[in-house]
Amino acid sequence: MTTLDGEHIRMVEAVLFAAEEPLDATSIAERLPRDIEVEAVLEAVRTKYEKAGFRLVKIDKKYAFRSAS
């Protein structure tokens, strides 16, 4: 188990912002170093943006940033 840190969050944010369509956790993990616990980082990203102008949402089994309501 690795420590969740800001660098991991930034990596996942970058992958999601650059994606043309929602990505599943496996697709996100394939773009990151092996030691990153993707599900934990996705939860941290979701929490980080829950009160922002956009949010991390899970659509079916895929993740994407969307405008907040």
PDB file of N, CA and C in Angstrom:
ATOM      1  N   MET A   1       0.844  -1.177   0.000  1.00  0.00           N
ATOM      2  CA  MET A   1       0.000   0.000   0.000  1.00  0.00           C
ATOM      3  C   MET A   1       0.891   1.243   0.000  1.00  0.00           C
ATOM      4  N   THR A   2       0.581   2.181  -0.871  1.00  0.00           N
ATOM      5  CA  THR A   2       1.372   3.396  -0.955  1.00  0.00           C
ATOM      6  C   THR A   2       0.632   4.544  -0.288  1.00  0.00           C
ATOM      7  N   THR A   3       1.378   5.581  -0.001  1.00  0.00           N
ATOM      8  CA  THR A   3       0.788   6.760   0.596  1.00  0.00           C
ATOM      9  C   THR A   3       0.126   7.590  -0.482  1.00  0.00           C
ATOM     10  N   LEU A   4      -1.081   8.018  -0.223  1.00  0.00           N
ATOM     11  CA  LEU A   4      -1.790   8.908  -1.134  1.00  0.00           C
ATOM     12  C   LEU A   4      -1.178  10.289  -0.978  1.00  0.00           C
ATOM     13  N   ASP A   5      -0.703  10.857  -2.090  1.00  0.00           N
ATOM     14  CA  ASP A   5      -0.122  12.185  -1.979  1.00  0.00           C
ATOM     15  C   ASP A   5      -0.619  13.091  -3.101  1.00  0.00           C
ATOM     16  N   GLY A   6      -0.256  14.349  -2.991  1.00  0.00           N
ATOM     17  CA  GLY A   6      -0.697  15.339  -3.958  1.00  0.00           C
ATOM     18  C   GLY A   6      -0.254  15.036  -5.371  1.00  0.00           C
ATOM     19  N   GLU A   7       0.914  14.437  -5.522  1.00  0.00           N
ATOM     20  CA  GLU A   7       1.405  14.111  -6.865  1.00  0.00           C
ATOM     21  C   GLU A   7       0.498  13.078  -7.535  1.00  0.00           C
ATOM     22  N   HIS A   8       0.040  12.097  -6.782  1.00  0.00           N
ATOM     23  CA  HIS A   8      -0.869  11.092  -7.336  1.00  0.00           C
ATOM     24  C   HIS A   8      -2.182  11.747  -7.767  1.00  0.00           C
ATOM     25  N   ILE A   9      -2.678  12.658  -6.943  1.00  0.00           N
ATOM     26  CA  ILE A   9      -3.908  13.375  -7.285  1.00  0.00           C
ATOM     27  C   ILE A   9      -3.713  14.174  -8.567  1.00  0.00           C
ATOM     28  N   ARG A  10      -2.596  14.881  -8.668  1.00  0.00           N
ATOM     29  CA  ARG A  10      -2.325  15.670  -9.882  1.00  0.00           C
ATOM     30  C   ARG A  10      -2.230  14.787 -11.121  1.00  0.00           C
ATOM     31  N   MET A  11      -1.638  13.618 -10.989  1.00  0.00           N
ATOM     32  CA  MET A  11      -1.529  12.701 -12.133  1.00  0.00           C
ATOM     33  C   MET A  11      -2.909  12.260 -12.613  1.00  0.00           C
ATOM     34  N   VAL A  12      -3.759  11.873 -11.681  1.00  0.00           N
ATOM     35  CA  VAL A  12      -5.101  11.424 -12.049  1.00  0.00           C
ATOM     36  C   VAL A  12      -5.902  12.577 -12.642  1.00  0.00           C
ATOM     37  N   GLU A  13      -5.785  13.765 -12.057  1.00  0.00           N
ATOM     38  CA  GLU A  13      -6.465  14.939 -12.623  1.00  0.00           C
ATOM     39  C   GLU A  13      -6.023  15.162 -14.063  1.00  0.00           C
ATOM     40  N   ALA A  14      -4.732  15.087 -14.316  1.00  0.00           N
ATOM     41  CA  ALA A  14      -4.210  15.318 -15.658  1.00  0.00           C
ATOM     42  C   ALA A  14      -4.747  14.294 -16.657  1.00  0.00           C
ATOM     43  N   VAL A  15      -4.775  13.037 -16.254  1.00  0.00           N
ATOM     44  CA  VAL A  15      -5.303  11.983 -17.124  1.00  0.00           C
ATOM     45  C   VAL A  15      -6.771  12.254 -17.449  1.00  0.00           C
ATOM     46  N   LEU A  16      -7.555  12.603 -16.448  1.00  0.00           N
ATOM     47  CA  LEU A  16      -8.986  12.841 -16.667  1.00  0.00           C
ATOM     48  C   LEU A  16      -9.239  14.100 -17.490  1.00  0.00           C
ATOM     49  N   PHE A  17      -8.489  15.172 -17.235  1.00  0.00           N
ATOM     50  CA  PHE A  17      -8.678  16.404 -18.010  1.00  0.00           C
ATOM     51  C   PHE A  17      -8.298  16.200 -19.474  1.00  0.00           C
ATOM     52  N   ALA A  18      -7.300  15.370 -19.735  1.00  0.00           N
ATOM     53  CA  ALA A  18      -6.834  15.146 -21.105  1.00  0.00           C
ATOM     54  C   ALA A  18      -7.697  14.152 -21.881  1.00  0.00           C
ATOM     55  N   ALA A  19      -8.483  13.364 -21.176  1.00  0.00           N
ATOM     56  CA  ALA A  19      -9.283  12.321 -21.824  1.00  0.00           C
ATOM     57  C   ALA A  19     -10.420  12.929 -22.643  1.00  0.00           C
ATOM     58  N   GLU A  20     -10.650  12.360 -23.795  1.00  0.00           N
ATOM     59  CA  GLU A  20     -11.739  12.814 -24.663  1.00  0.00           C
ATOM     60  C   GLU A  20     -13.077  12.212 -24.260  1.00  0.00           C
ATOM     61  N   GLU A  21     -13.037  11.155 -23.478  1.00  0.00           N
ATOM     62  CA  GLU A  21     -14.259  10.491 -23.025  1.00  0.00           C
ATOM     63  C   GLU A  21     -14.027   9.954 -21.621  1.00  0.00           C
ATOM     64  N   PRO A  22     -15.088   9.590 -20.901  1.00  0.00           N
ATOM     65  CA  PRO A  22     -14.905   9.035 -19.558  1.00  0.00           C
ATOM     66  C   PRO A  22     -14.019   7.788 -19.585  1.00  0.00           C
ATOM     67  N   LEU A  23     -13.254   7.600 -18.521  1.00  0.00           N
ATOM     68  CA  LEU A  23     -12.324   6.473 -18.421  1.00  0.00           C
ATOM     69  C   LEU A  23     -12.673   5.609 -17.219  1.00  0.00           C
ATOM     70  N   ASP A  24     -12.501   4.296 -17.376  1.00  0.00           N
ATOM     71  CA  ASP A  24     -12.680   3.414 -16.228  1.00  0.00           C
ATOM     72  C   ASP A  24     -11.381   3.369 -15.426  1.00  0.00           C
ATOM     73  N   ALA A  25     -11.447   2.822 -14.224  1.00  0.00           N
ATOM     74  CA  ALA A  25     -10.290   2.800 -13.338  1.00  0.00           C
ATOM     75  C   ALA A  25      -9.111   2.054 -13.956  1.00  0.00           C
ATOM     76  N   THR A  26      -9.366   1.003 -14.702  1.00  0.00           N
ATOM     77  CA  THR A  26      -8.293   0.252 -15.344  1.00  0.00           C
ATOM     78  C   THR A  26      -7.575   1.111 -16.377  1.00  0.00           C
ATOM     79  N   SER A  27      -8.316   1.849 -17.187  1.00  0.00           N
ATOM     80  CA  SER A  27      -7.719   2.728 -18.187  1.00  0.00           C
ATOM     81  C   SER A  27      -6.896   3.836 -17.537  1.00  0.00           C
ATOM     82  N   ILE A  28      -7.383   4.350 -16.431  1.00  0.00           N
ATOM     83  CA  ILE A  28      -6.632   5.380 -15.705  1.00  0.00           C
ATOM     84  C   ILE A  28      -5.344   4.770 -15.158  1.00  0.00           C
ATOM     85  N   ALA A  29      -5.441   3.600 -14.549  1.00  0.00           N
ATOM     86  CA  ALA A  29      -4.276   2.936 -13.961  1.00  0.00           C
ATOM     87  C   ALA A  29      -3.200   2.644 -15.009  1.00  0.00           C
ATOM     88  N   GLU A  30      -3.595   2.315 -16.224  1.00  0.00           N
ATOM     89  CA  GLU A  30      -2.640   2.017 -17.294  1.00  0.00           C
ATOM     90  C   GLU A  30      -1.782   3.224 -17.660  1.00  0.00           C
ATOM     91  N   ARG A  31      -2.234   4.418 -17.321  1.00  0.00           N
ATOM     92  CA  ARG A  31      -1.517   5.648 -17.662  1.00  0.00           C
ATOM     93  C   ARG A  31      -0.676   6.181 -16.500  1.00  0.00           C
ATOM     94  N   LEU A  32      -0.623   5.430 -15.403  1.00  0.00           N
ATOM     95  CA  LEU A  32       0.046   5.888 -14.183  1.00  0.00           C
ATOM     96  C   LEU A  32       1.090   4.881 -13.716  1.00  0.00           C
ATOM     97  N   PRO A  33       2.004   5.316 -12.843  1.00  0.00           N
ATOM     98  CA  PRO A  33       2.943   4.359 -12.251  1.00  0.00           C
ATOM     99  C   PRO A  33       2.194   3.257 -11.505  1.00  0.00           C
ATOM    100  N   ARG A  34       2.789   2.107 -11.415  1.00  0.00           N
ATOM    101  CA  ARG A  34       2.135   0.937 -10.815  1.00  0.00           C
ATOM    102  C   ARG A  34       1.774   1.082  -9.350  1.00  0.00           C
ATOM    103  N   ASP A  35       2.480   1.910  -8.616  1.00  0.00           N
ATOM    104  CA  ASP A  35       2.264   1.970  -7.165  1.00  0.00           C
ATOM    105  C   ASP A  35       1.069   2.822  -6.747  1.00  0.00           C
ATOM    106  N   ILE A  36       0.352   3.398  -7.689  1.00  0.00           N
ATOM    107  CA  ILE A  36      -0.771   4.264  -7.347  1.00  0.00           C
ATOM    108  C   ILE A  36      -2.046   3.444  -7.166  1.00  0.00           C
ATOM    109  N   GLU A  37      -2.724   3.651  -6.044  1.00  0.00           N
ATOM    110  CA  GLU A  37      -4.003   2.998  -5.780  1.00  0.00           C
ATOM    111  C   GLU A  37      -5.098   3.879  -6.377  1.00  0.00           C
ATOM    112  N   VAL A  38      -5.483   3.564  -7.585  1.00  0.00           N
ATOM    113  CA  VAL A  38      -6.352   4.429  -8.380  1.00  0.00           C
ATOM    114  C   VAL A  38      -7.683   4.709  -7.698  1.00  0.00           C
ATOM    115  N   GLU A  39      -8.324   3.719  -7.144  1.00  0.00           N
ATOM    116  CA  GLU A  39      -9.628   3.940  -6.508  1.00  0.00           C
ATOM    117  C   GLU A  39      -9.525   4.936  -5.355  1.00  0.00           C
ATOM    118  N   ALA A  40      -8.476   4.846  -4.561  1.00  0.00           N
ATOM    119  CA  ALA A  40      -8.288   5.776  -3.447  1.00  0.00           C
ATOM    120  C   ALA A  40      -8.033   7.191  -3.962  1.00  0.00           C
ATOM    121  N   VAL A  41      -7.248   7.299  -5.020  1.00  0.00           N
ATOM    122  CA  VAL A  41      -6.966   8.617  -5.583  1.00  0.00           C
ATOM    123  C   VAL A  41      -8.228   9.208  -6.211  1.00  0.00           C
ATOM    124  N   LEU A  42      -9.010   8.412  -6.898  1.00  0.00           N
ATOM    125  CA  LEU A  42     -10.261   8.904  -7.476  1.00  0.00           C
ATOM    126  C   LEU A  42     -11.190   9.446  -6.394  1.00  0.00           C
ATOM    127  N   GLU A  43     -11.252   8.772  -5.266  1.00  0.00           N
ATOM    128  CA  GLU A  43     -12.074   9.259  -4.159  1.00  0.00           C
ATOM    129  C   GLU A  43     -11.529  10.582  -3.626  1.00  0.00           C
ATOM    130  N   ALA A  44     -10.216  10.712  -3.547  1.00  0.00           N
ATOM    131  CA  ALA A  44      -9.612  11.967  -3.095  1.00  0.00           C
ATOM    132  C   ALA A  44      -9.910  13.100  -4.075  1.00  0.00           C
ATOM    133  N   VAL A  45      -9.857  12.795  -5.358  1.00  0.00           N
ATOM    134  CA  VAL A  45     -10.172  13.807  -6.382  1.00  0.00           C
ATOM    135  C   VAL A  45     -11.645  14.199  -6.277  1.00  0.00           C
ATOM    136  N   ARG A  46     -12.521  13.220  -6.129  1.00  0.00           N
ATOM    137  CA  ARG A  46     -13.952  13.506  -6.005  1.00  0.00           C
ATOM    138  C   ARG A  46     -14.204  14.428  -4.813  1.00  0.00           C
ATOM    139  N   THR A  47     -13.584  14.119  -3.692  1.00  0.00           N
ATOM    140  CA  THR A  47     -13.739  14.932  -2.491  1.00  0.00           C
ATOM    141  C   THR A  47     -13.182  16.341  -2.702  1.00  0.00           C
ATOM    142  N   LYS A  48     -12.043  16.440  -3.341  1.00  0.00           N
ATOM    143  CA  LYS A  48     -11.399  17.735  -3.578  1.00  0.00           C
ATOM    144  C   LYS A  48     -12.314  18.695  -4.336  1.00  0.00           C
ATOM    145  N   TYR A  49     -13.069  18.176  -5.303  1.00  0.00           N
ATOM    146  CA  TYR A  49     -13.877  19.027  -6.173  1.00  0.00           C
ATOM    147  C   TYR A  49     -15.371  19.035  -5.845  1.00  0.00           C
ATOM    148  N   GLU A  50     -15.782  18.421  -4.751  1.00  0.00           N
ATOM    149  CA  GLU A  50     -17.216  18.307  -4.485  1.00  0.00           C
ATOM    150  C   GLU A  50     -17.918  19.643  -4.288  1.00  0.00           C
ATOM    151  N   LYS A  51     -17.196  20.699  -3.964  1.00  0.00           N
ATOM    152  CA  LYS A  51     -17.825  22.018  -3.795  1.00  0.00           C
ATOM    153  C   LYS A  51     -17.317  23.021  -4.826  1.00  0.00           C
ATOM    154  N   ALA A  52     -16.696  22.536  -5.878  1.00  0.00           N
ATOM    155  CA  ALA A  52     -16.140  23.402  -6.921  1.00  0.00           C
ATOM    156  C   ALA A  52     -17.160  23.600  -8.050  1.00  0.00           C
ATOM    157  N   GLY A  53     -16.761  24.305  -9.068  1.00  0.00           N
ATOM    158  CA  GLY A  53     -17.635  24.556 -10.211  1.00  0.00           C
ATOM    159  C   GLY A  53     -17.771  23.354 -11.135  1.00  0.00           C
ATOM    160  N   PHE A  54     -16.976  22.341 -10.887  1.00  0.00           N
ATOM    161  CA  PHE A  54     -17.093  21.083 -11.620  1.00  0.00           C
ATOM    162  C   PHE A  54     -16.829  19.957 -10.637  1.00  0.00           C
ATOM    163  N   ARG A  55     -17.227  18.755 -11.029  1.00  0.00           N
ATOM    164  CA  ARG A  55     -17.102  17.604 -10.132  1.00  0.00           C
ATOM    165  C   ARG A  55     -16.597  16.389 -10.894  1.00  0.00           C
ATOM    166  N   LEU A  56     -15.995  15.483 -10.153  1.00  0.00           N
ATOM    167  CA  LEU A  56     -15.657  14.182 -10.713  1.00  0.00           C
ATOM    168  C   LEU A  56     -16.893  13.313 -10.543  1.00  0.00           C
ATOM    169  N   VAL A  57     -17.397  12.791 -11.634  1.00  0.00           N
ATOM    170  CA  VAL A  57     -18.584  11.945 -11.572  1.00  0.00           C
ATOM    171  C   VAL A  57     -18.268  10.564 -12.131  1.00  0.00           C
ATOM    172  N   LYS A  58     -19.018   9.590 -11.656  1.00  0.00           N
ATOM    173  CA  LYS A  58     -18.906   8.228 -12.161  1.00  0.00           C
ATOM    174  C   LYS A  58     -20.132   7.974 -13.025  1.00  0.00           C
ATOM    175  N   ILE A  59     -19.875   7.691 -14.279  1.00  0.00           N
ATOM    176  CA  ILE A  59     -20.933   7.440 -15.253  1.00  0.00           C
ATOM    177  C   ILE A  59     -20.820   5.962 -15.626  1.00  0.00           C
ATOM    178  N   ASP A  60     -21.798   5.177 -15.184  1.00  0.00           N
ATOM    179  CA  ASP A  60     -21.719   3.729 -15.309  1.00  0.00           C
ATOM    180  C   ASP A  60     -20.486   3.291 -14.524  1.00  0.00           C
ATOM    181  N   LYS A  61     -19.433   2.826 -15.154  1.00  0.00           N
ATOM    182  CA  LYS A  61     -18.213   2.436 -14.443  1.00  0.00           C
ATOM    183  C   LYS A  61     -17.029   3.301 -14.855  1.00  0.00           C
ATOM    184  N   LYS A  62     -17.318   4.466 -15.419  1.00  0.00           N
ATOM    185  CA  LYS A  62     -16.263   5.343 -15.915  1.00  0.00           C
ATOM    186  C   LYS A  62     -16.314   6.698 -15.222  1.00  0.00           C
ATOM    187  N   TYR A  63     -15.176   7.377 -15.212  1.00  0.00           N
ATOM    188  CA  TYR A  63     -15.046   8.650 -14.505  1.00  0.00           C
ATOM    189  C   TYR A  63     -14.768   9.784 -15.473  1.00  0.00           C
ATOM    190  N   ALA A  64     -15.317  10.974 -15.143  1.00  0.00           N
ATOM    191  CA  ALA A  64     -15.107  12.174 -15.955  1.00  0.00           C
ATOM    192  C   ALA A  64     -15.410  13.402 -15.113  1.00  0.00           C
ATOM    193  N   PHE A  65     -14.810  14.519 -15.486  1.00  0.00           N
ATOM    194  CA  PHE A  65     -15.168  15.786 -14.874  1.00  0.00           C
ATOM    195  C   PHE A  65     -16.373  16.352 -15.598  1.00  0.00           C
ATOM    196  N   ARG A  66     -17.322  16.889 -14.831  1.00  0.00           N
ATOM    197  CA  ARG A  66     -18.526  17.508 -15.381  1.00  0.00           C
ATOM    198  C   ARG A  66     -18.820  18.784 -14.597  1.00  0.00           C
ATOM    199  N   SER A  67     -19.491  19.719 -15.249  1.00  0.00           N
ATOM    200  CA  SER A  67     -19.896  20.953 -14.588  1.00  0.00           C
ATOM    201  C   SER A  67     -20.817  20.650 -13.423  1.00  0.00           C
ATOM    202  N   ALA A  68     -20.661  21.403 -12.348  1.00  0.00           N
ATOM    203  CA  ALA A  68     -21.537  21.243 -11.199  1.00  0.00           C
ATOM    204  C   ALA A  68     -22.908  21.802 -11.532  1.00  0.00           C
ATOM    205  N   SER A  69     -23.923  21.276 -10.885  1.00  0.00           N
ATOM    206  CA  SER A  69     -25.279  21.764 -11.131  1.00  0.00           C
ATOM    207  C   SER A  69     -25.513  23.099 -10.469  1.00  0.00           C
TER     208      SER A  69
END
